[in-house]
Amino acid sequence: MSKNKSSNENVKLVFLVIFSFVIGGVVMFSILKWTPIINEVIGSSNNTVITKNETQVYEKTSLKAAIDKIYDAVVVVQVYNNDELASTGSGFVYKVDNEYGYILTNQHVVSDSKEIKVVNSSDEEIEAETLGSDEYLDLAVLRVSKDKIKMVANIGNSEKMSLGDTVFTVGSPMGYDYRGSVTSGVLSGKDRMVSVSVGNSSNNDWVMRVLQLDASINPGNSGGPLLNINGEVIGICSMKLVDSQIEGMGFAIPIEYAMSHVESLENGKKIEWPVLGISMLNTTDTMSLYRNQIMLDKDVTEGVVIVECEKDSAAANSDLQKGDVIIKLNDAKVKDIAYLRYELYQYQAGDKIEVTYIRDGKEHKTKVTLGKSSD
């Protein structure tokens, strides 16, 4: 009798356990299906919920809020020559005053232009005036009427960025038809040294210290803003490394560097770069060196060769002379002409620097008081 009773109690216990699991499952299913708990958690992180066919897809990294902070500040820059559209680029409004709005873009976007117009996010075409530009900075400042300005960009700080941080761009790749395009990626590198040509030169004349990004940029993006996750400008897209075997490498001028020069550009002042007062060649330019009757030791493979010291120049007033190979400015190594300009332009006219050079196979040093480019 007791054995049958024990058996009945075991059956009841099993039934109770099964019933509890079923009821618990039903309750849990109801919570997940009909309560907003998940939505509230995701919503608190500024994520976007997309509903399609009763399925919710949670987008964790939407840039919408950041894009809204910059979109109306970005313009298409259109360059006209002889009443015909010659080229396009991008730019952004960085400040306004009582009368005007001021736009930053690249110098190579507006160089040799007869007429410039910008197109804002409302598709208004606006006459623009170039206040100042510089080919070594690759920066230009444009001015338009204040009443055409829809938004002013927030200026950030590239120095606070870390590798892997999210970045994005807004611009007009391939021109007007693709205006307002947004691309995103990560900050791939900082303090990259990239050699570029200036004007119509086919040589590497100048080195720029730039930010590297993997966000897609194309012709027409030049001059547009590079932005952080908060929609603040941290750089100005300036160039793309173009090679059939390389993809996803773009570059931007750090915003701090650009902003340190805008006052001069706004006032139309010519940037007075310091100069040594020499004509020069790279050590690798053997044919030109031969034509100038300059022979180098075979061990000298880097540096800048002096072809001539200009009369009454900084170099002429030092120990430098034709045939000397400059290898350092102060403690900075000089590999070629592009690097010499980069290091030289860290100083001001009137500064005294130490130049290390090679003559007759031996290393020498001399002090040079720099002149200015307007001399």
Protein backbone atom coordinates (compact mmCIF):
# COMPACT_ATOMS: atom_id res chain seq x y z
CA MET A 1 0.00 0.00 0.00
CA SER A 2 2.78 2.40 0.93
CA LYS A 3 4.57 1.40 -2.24
CA ASN A 4 1.61 2.47 -4.40
CA LYS A 5 1.34 5.74 -2.49
CA SER A 6 5.00 6.51 -3.07
CA SER A 7 4.58 5.80 -6.77
CA ASN A 8 1.63 8.16 -7.05
CA GLU A 9 3.59 10.95 -5.33
CA ASN A 10 6.46 10.53 -7.82
CA VAL A 11 4.02 10.81 -10.73
CA LYS A 12 2.58 14.00 -9.24
CA LEU A 13 6.07 15.44 -8.76
CA VAL A 14 7.05 14.75 -12.38
CA PHE A 15 3.78 16.28 -13.60
CA LEU A 16 4.40 19.38 -11.42
CA VAL A 17 7.90 19.84 -12.82
CA ILE A 18 6.68 19.52 -16.42
CA PHE A 19 3.81 21.92 -15.75
CA SER A 20 6.20 24.48 -14.23
CA PHE A 21 8.48 24.38 -17.28
CA VAL A 22 5.54 24.83 -19.65
CA ILE A 23 4.07 27.75 -17.68
CA GLY A 24 7.51 29.36 -17.31
CA GLY A 25 8.13 29.08 -21.05
CA VAL A 26 4.79 30.67 -21.87
CA VAL A 27 5.45 33.55 -19.48
CA MET A 28 8.96 34.15 -20.86
CA PHE A 29 7.71 34.06 -24.47
CA SER A 30 5.02 36.62 -23.59
CA ILE A 31 7.58 38.95 -21.99
CA LEU A 32 9.90 38.81 -25.01
CA LYS A 33 7.10 39.24 -27.54
CA TRP A 34 4.88 41.90 -25.96
CA THR A 35 7.09 44.01 -23.67
CA PRO A 36 9.48 46.83 -24.73
CA ILE A 37 12.37 45.83 -22.46
CA ILE A 38 14.85 45.20 -25.27
CA ASN A 39 13.78 48.27 -27.17
CA GLU A 40 14.27 50.43 -24.09
CA VAL A 41 17.79 49.09 -23.49
CA ILE A 42 18.80 49.63 -27.10
CA GLY A 43 17.11 53.00 -27.29
CA SER A 44 19.11 54.21 -24.31
CA SER A 45 22.26 53.70 -26.39
CA ASN A 46 20.98 55.85 -29.30
CA ASN A 47 20.65 52.81 -31.56
CA THR A 48 18.19 52.60 -34.42
CA VAL A 49 15.47 49.92 -34.65
CA ILE A 50 14.46 48.96 -38.17
CA THR A 51 11.25 46.90 -38.56
CA LYS A 52 10.77 44.81 -41.67
CA ASN A 53 8.21 42.06 -42.09
CA GLU A 54 7.62 42.10 -38.32
CA THR A 55 11.34 41.41 -37.75
CA GLN A 56 13.36 43.88 -35.74
CA VAL A 57 16.96 44.56 -36.81
CA TYR A 58 19.01 46.50 -34.29
CA GLU A 59 21.57 48.88 -35.80
CA LYS A 60 24.15 49.58 -33.13
CA THR A 61 26.35 52.15 -34.90
CA SER A 62 24.08 54.59 -36.71
CA LEU A 63 25.78 57.89 -37.56
CA LYS A 64 22.52 59.75 -38.13
CA ALA A 65 22.83 62.04 -35.10
CA ALA A 66 26.42 62.96 -36.05
CA ILE A 67 25.52 63.52 -39.71
CA ASP A 68 22.72 65.89 -38.70
CA LYS A 69 25.33 68.11 -36.99
CA ILE A 70 27.33 68.67 -40.18
CA TYR A 71 25.23 67.90 -43.25
CA ASP A 72 23.89 71.42 -43.90
CA ALA A 73 27.36 72.95 -43.37
CA VAL A 74 28.86 71.04 -46.34
CA VAL A 75 28.82 72.55 -49.83
CA VAL A 76 29.72 71.56 -53.37
CA VAL A 77 32.48 73.80 -54.74
CA GLN A 78 32.16 74.43 -58.49
CA VAL A 79 34.98 76.03 -60.47
CA TYR A 80 34.20 77.77 -63.77
CA ASN A 81 36.56 78.91 -66.49
CA ASN A 82 35.17 80.84 -69.49
CA ASP A 83 31.63 80.18 -68.24
CA GLU A 84 32.15 76.42 -68.36
CA LEU A 85 32.32 74.08 -65.37
CA ALA A 86 35.97 73.05 -65.08
CA SER A 87 36.06 71.04 -61.86
CA THR A 88 34.24 70.35 -58.60
CA GLY A 89 35.18 69.68 -55.01
CA SER A 90 33.77 69.96 -51.52
CA GLY A 91 34.01 72.44 -48.66
CA PHE A 92 32.40 73.30 -45.34
CA VAL A 93 31.34 76.42 -43.46
CA TYR A 94 33.57 76.89 -40.44
CA LYS A 95 32.41 80.32 -39.23
CA VAL A 96 30.09 83.28 -39.84
CA ASP A 97 30.25 86.95 -38.94
CA ASN A 98 27.71 89.76 -39.32
CA GLU A 99 27.90 89.73 -43.11
CA TYR A 100 29.56 86.59 -44.42
CA GLY A 101 29.97 82.87 -44.11
CA TYR A 102 33.48 81.40 -44.46
CA ILE A 103 34.22 78.11 -46.20
CA LEU A 104 37.35 75.95 -46.04
CA THR A 105 38.37 73.83 -49.01
CA ASN A 106 41.56 72.66 -50.74
CA GLN A 107 43.72 75.04 -52.76
CA HIS A 108 43.97 72.56 -55.61
CA VAL A 109 40.16 72.59 -55.88
CA VAL A 110 40.03 76.33 -56.67
CA SER A 111 43.43 76.98 -58.27
CA ASP A 112 43.41 78.94 -61.54
CA SER A 113 39.66 79.55 -61.25
CA LYS A 114 37.92 82.46 -63.00
CA GLU A 115 34.65 82.04 -61.14
CA ILE A 116 33.58 79.98 -58.12
CA LYS A 117 30.11 78.96 -57.06
CA VAL A 118 29.04 76.79 -54.13
CA VAL A 119 25.89 74.71 -53.84
CA ASN A 120 24.37 74.28 -50.38
CA SER A 121 22.21 71.43 -49.09
CA SER A 122 19.08 73.22 -50.31
CA ASP A 123 20.46 73.13 -53.86
CA GLU A 124 21.01 76.90 -53.97
CA GLU A 125 23.86 78.01 -56.24
CA ILE A 126 25.79 80.84 -54.59
CA GLU A 127 28.55 83.13 -55.86
CA ALA A 128 31.73 82.73 -53.81
CA GLU A 129 34.87 84.81 -53.46
CA THR A 130 38.34 83.41 -52.77
CA LEU A 131 39.95 85.36 -49.92
CA GLY A 132 43.25 83.53 -49.78
CA SER A 133 44.95 80.24 -50.61
CA ASP A 134 48.31 78.51 -50.39
CA GLU A 135 49.55 75.60 -52.48
CA TYR A 136 51.84 74.17 -49.81
CA LEU A 137 49.07 74.17 -47.21
CA ASP A 138 46.62 72.98 -49.89
CA LEU A 139 44.04 75.22 -48.23
CA ALA A 140 41.77 77.98 -49.47
CA VAL A 141 39.18 80.19 -47.75
CA LEU A 142 36.03 81.22 -49.63
CA ARG A 143 33.46 83.80 -48.60
CA VAL A 144 29.71 83.88 -49.31
CA SER A 145 26.78 85.98 -48.13
CA LYS A 146 25.70 85.09 -44.60
CA ASP A 147 22.02 84.75 -45.54
CA LYS A 148 22.88 81.68 -47.63
CA ILE A 149 24.45 79.84 -44.70
CA LYS A 150 22.36 77.01 -43.26
CA MET A 151 24.74 75.61 -40.66
CA VAL A 152 28.24 76.11 -39.24
CA ALA A 153 30.44 73.08 -38.59
CA ASN A 154 31.70 72.24 -35.12
CA ILE A 155 35.50 72.08 -35.01
CA GLY A 156 36.98 69.10 -33.16
CA ASN A 157 40.49 67.93 -32.30
CA SER A 158 42.31 65.24 -34.25
CA GLU A 159 44.94 64.90 -31.53
CA LYS A 160 42.34 63.34 -29.22
CA MET A 161 41.55 60.62 -31.76
CA SER A 162 42.86 57.07 -31.40
CA LEU A 163 43.55 54.45 -34.06
CA GLY A 164 40.40 52.52 -34.81
CA ASP A 165 38.05 55.36 -33.87
CA THR A 166 35.08 55.76 -36.19
CA VAL A 167 35.37 58.57 -38.75
CA PHE A 168 33.15 59.63 -41.62
CA THR A 169 33.07 62.10 -44.49
CA VAL A 170 30.41 64.18 -46.22
CA GLY A 171 31.12 65.46 -49.71
CA SER A 172 30.43 65.34 -53.42
CA PRO A 173 32.44 62.49 -54.98
CA MET A 174 32.36 62.65 -58.77
CA GLY A 175 30.64 66.04 -58.66
CA TYR A 176 27.19 67.51 -58.25
CA ASP A 177 25.18 64.37 -59.01
CA TYR A 178 26.53 62.63 -55.90
CA ARG A 179 26.49 65.65 -53.57
CA GLY A 180 25.90 64.97 -49.90
CA SER A 181 27.40 61.48 -50.02
CA VAL A 182 28.38 60.00 -46.65
CA THR A 183 31.14 57.42 -46.25
CA SER A 184 32.48 55.95 -43.02
CA GLY A 185 35.42 53.96 -41.73
CA VAL A 186 38.08 54.15 -39.05
CA LEU A 187 41.13 56.26 -38.37
CA SER A 188 43.86 54.06 -39.82
CA GLY A 189 46.92 56.14 -38.99
CA LYS A 190 48.16 59.41 -37.54
CA ASP A 191 51.23 61.51 -38.39
CA ARG A 192 51.66 59.89 -41.80
CA MET A 193 54.27 61.62 -43.94
CA VAL A 194 53.03 61.76 -47.53
CA SER A 195 55.01 63.30 -50.40
CA VAL A 196 53.00 65.40 -52.84
CA SER A 197 53.60 67.55 -55.89
CA VAL A 198 52.80 71.26 -55.93
CA GLY A 199 51.15 73.04 -58.84
CA ASN A 200 51.89 71.33 -62.15
CA SER A 201 55.11 69.77 -60.93
CA SER A 202 55.70 66.08 -61.61
CA ASN A 203 58.11 65.82 -58.67
CA ASN A 204 57.49 65.29 -54.99
CA ASP A 205 57.97 68.88 -53.84
CA TRP A 206 56.50 68.78 -50.38
CA VAL A 207 55.71 66.47 -47.50
CA MET A 208 52.46 66.73 -45.55
CA ARG A 209 51.84 65.26 -42.10
CA VAL A 210 48.35 63.83 -42.44
CA LEU A 211 45.70 61.52 -41.01
CA GLN A 212 45.12 58.21 -42.76
CA LEU A 213 41.59 56.83 -43.10
CA ASP A 214 39.91 53.91 -44.82
CA ALA A 215 36.61 55.69 -45.54
CA SER A 216 36.03 55.86 -49.29
CA ILE A 217 37.04 59.19 -50.84
CA ASN A 218 37.07 59.99 -54.53
CA PRO A 219 37.62 62.97 -56.85
CA GLY A 220 35.18 65.61 -55.63
CA ASN A 221 35.64 64.75 -51.94
CA SER A 222 38.70 67.01 -51.80
CA GLY A 223 38.11 69.91 -49.43
CA GLY A 224 35.31 68.18 -47.56
CA PRO A 225 35.36 67.49 -43.81
CA LEU A 226 36.60 64.39 -42.02
CA LEU A 227 34.52 63.97 -38.86
CA ASN A 228 34.51 62.09 -35.58
CA ILE A 229 31.58 60.19 -34.09
CA ASN A 230 30.26 63.44 -32.57
CA GLY A 231 30.02 65.16 -35.96
CA GLU A 232 33.02 67.44 -35.25
CA VAL A 233 35.53 68.27 -37.99
CA ILE A 234 38.91 66.68 -37.28
CA GLY A 235 40.42 67.01 -40.75
CA ILE A 236 40.06 68.16 -44.35
CA CYS A 237 40.10 65.45 -47.02
CA SER A 238 42.93 66.35 -49.34
CA MET A 239 44.09 63.46 -51.44
CA LYS A 240 43.74 59.79 -52.19
CA LEU A 241 46.54 57.32 -52.69
CA VAL A 242 45.80 56.06 -56.19
CA ASP A 243 47.31 52.74 -57.23
CA SER A 244 45.83 49.74 -59.01
CA GLN A 245 47.00 47.47 -56.19
CA ILE A 246 46.03 49.67 -53.25
CA GLU A 247 42.54 50.40 -51.95
CA GLY A 248 41.10 52.10 -48.91
CA MET A 249 43.88 54.59 -48.16
CA GLY A 250 42.74 58.20 -47.95
CA PHE A 251 44.34 61.19 -46.26
CA ALA A 252 43.20 64.34 -44.50
CA ILE A 253 44.91 67.49 -43.25
CA PRO A 254 44.58 67.69 -39.44
CA ILE A 255 42.11 70.44 -38.54
CA GLU A 256 44.48 72.05 -36.01
CA TYR A 257 47.05 72.66 -38.75
CA ALA A 258 44.42 74.17 -41.03
CA MET A 259 42.89 76.42 -38.37
CA SER A 260 46.31 77.79 -37.40
CA HIS A 261 46.51 79.43 -40.85
CA VAL A 262 42.91 80.51 -41.57
CA GLU A 263 43.31 84.03 -40.18
CA SER A 264 46.07 84.79 -42.69
CA LEU A 265 44.07 83.26 -45.51
CA GLU A 266 40.91 85.19 -44.53
CA ASN A 267 42.88 88.41 -44.73
CA GLY A 268 44.36 87.51 -48.11
CA LYS A 269 47.88 87.48 -46.73
CA LYS A 270 50.57 85.59 -48.59
CA ILE A 271 52.04 82.90 -46.36
CA GLU A 272 55.66 83.90 -45.82
CA TRP A 273 57.57 80.64 -45.77
CA PRO A 274 61.18 80.72 -44.53
CA VAL A 275 63.85 80.11 -47.18
CA LEU A 276 67.50 79.16 -47.37
CA GLY A 277 67.96 80.90 -50.71
CA ILE A 278 69.29 77.98 -52.74
CA SER A 279 68.48 76.17 -55.97
CA MET A 280 68.69 72.44 -55.29
CA LEU A 281 68.44 68.89 -56.60
CA ASN A 282 67.94 65.48 -55.03
CA THR A 283 70.95 63.18 -54.79
CA THR A 284 69.08 60.70 -57.00
CA ASP A 285 68.75 63.23 -59.88
CA THR A 286 72.03 62.11 -61.45
CA MET A 287 71.49 63.51 -64.96
CA SER A 288 70.69 67.01 -63.71
CA LEU A 289 73.64 66.88 -61.32
CA TYR A 290 75.92 65.89 -64.22
CA ARG A 291 74.63 68.81 -66.31
CA ASN A 292 75.49 71.14 -63.42
CA GLN A 293 78.97 69.60 -63.19
CA ILE A 294 78.35 68.19 -59.71
CA MET A 295 79.80 64.78 -58.86
CA LEU A 296 78.82 63.01 -55.64
CA ASP A 297 80.51 60.23 -53.72
CA LYS A 298 78.69 56.93 -54.42
CA ASP A 299 77.99 56.54 -50.70
CA VAL A 300 75.87 59.70 -50.66
CA THR A 301 72.35 58.47 -51.48
CA GLU A 302 70.13 60.83 -49.48
CA GLY A 303 69.98 64.58 -48.95
CA VAL A 304 69.63 67.76 -50.96
CA VAL A 305 72.40 69.00 -53.24
CA ILE A 306 73.03 72.75 -53.50
CA VAL A 307 73.25 73.82 -57.14
CA GLU A 308 73.56 77.55 -56.39
CA CYS A 309 73.35 79.93 -53.44
CA GLU A 310 71.37 83.03 -54.35
CA LYS A 311 73.13 86.36 -53.87
CA ASP A 312 72.63 87.94 -50.43
CA SER A 313 70.51 84.97 -49.32
CA ALA A 314 70.59 83.13 -46.01
CA ALA A 315 72.73 80.39 -47.55
CA ALA A 316 75.14 82.87 -49.17
CA ASN A 317 75.72 84.45 -45.77
CA SER A 318 76.70 81.08 -44.27
CA ASP A 319 79.38 78.51 -45.08
CA LEU A 320 77.20 76.68 -47.63
CA GLN A 321 78.28 76.49 -51.26
CA LYS A 322 77.59 74.71 -54.56
CA GLY A 323 77.96 70.93 -54.37
CA ASP A 324 77.28 70.66 -50.62
CA VAL A 325 74.74 67.96 -49.64
CA ILE A 326 72.39 69.03 -46.85
CA ILE A 327 71.48 66.04 -44.65
CA LYS A 328 70.01 67.68 -41.52
CA LEU A 329 68.22 70.82 -40.36
CA ASN A 330 68.91 71.04 -36.65
CA ASP A 331 68.36 67.40 -35.57
CA ALA A 332 65.83 66.50 -38.29
CA LYS A 333 67.00 64.23 -41.09
CA VAL A 334 66.63 65.50 -44.65
CA LYS A 335 66.05 62.71 -47.18
CA ASP A 336 65.17 64.83 -50.20
CA ILE A 337 63.76 68.19 -51.31
CA ALA A 338 60.24 67.39 -50.08
CA TYR A 339 61.50 66.62 -46.59
CA LEU A 340 63.79 69.65 -46.56
CA ARG A 341 60.79 71.92 -47.25
CA TYR A 342 58.72 70.19 -44.61
CA GLU A 343 61.38 70.59 -41.91
CA LEU A 344 62.26 74.13 -43.02
CA TYR A 345 58.61 75.24 -42.86
CA GLN A 346 58.45 74.35 -39.18
CA TYR A 347 60.40 77.59 -38.59
CA GLN A 348 59.86 81.31 -39.14
CA ALA A 349 61.83 83.79 -41.18
CA GLY A 350 64.55 85.20 -38.91
CA ASP A 351 65.06 81.95 -36.99
CA LYS A 352 68.63 80.69 -36.74
CA ILE A 353 69.06 76.98 -37.43
CA GLU A 354 71.95 74.56 -37.70
CA VAL A 355 72.50 72.94 -41.09
CA THR A 356 74.50 69.71 -41.35
CA TYR A 357 76.02 69.03 -44.75
CA ILE A 358 78.55 66.82 -46.53
CA ARG A 359 81.47 68.27 -48.48
CA ASP A 360 84.34 66.23 -49.90
CA GLY A 361 83.11 63.15 -48.03
CA LYS A 362 83.18 64.87 -44.63
CA GLU A 363 80.34 66.10 -42.42
CA HIS A 364 80.20 69.81 -41.52
CA LYS A 365 77.83 72.14 -39.65
CA THR A 366 76.96 75.80 -40.10
CA LYS A 367 74.47 78.28 -38.65
CA VAL A 368 71.93 79.88 -41.00
CA THR A 369 69.54 82.78 -40.30
CA LEU A 370 66.48 82.08 -42.45
CA GLY A 371 65.12 84.57 -44.93
CA LYS A 372 61.48 84.84 -46.06
CA SER A 373 59.80 83.87 -49.30
CA SER A 374 58.80 87.45 -50.16
CA ASP A 375 62.42 88.60 -50.23
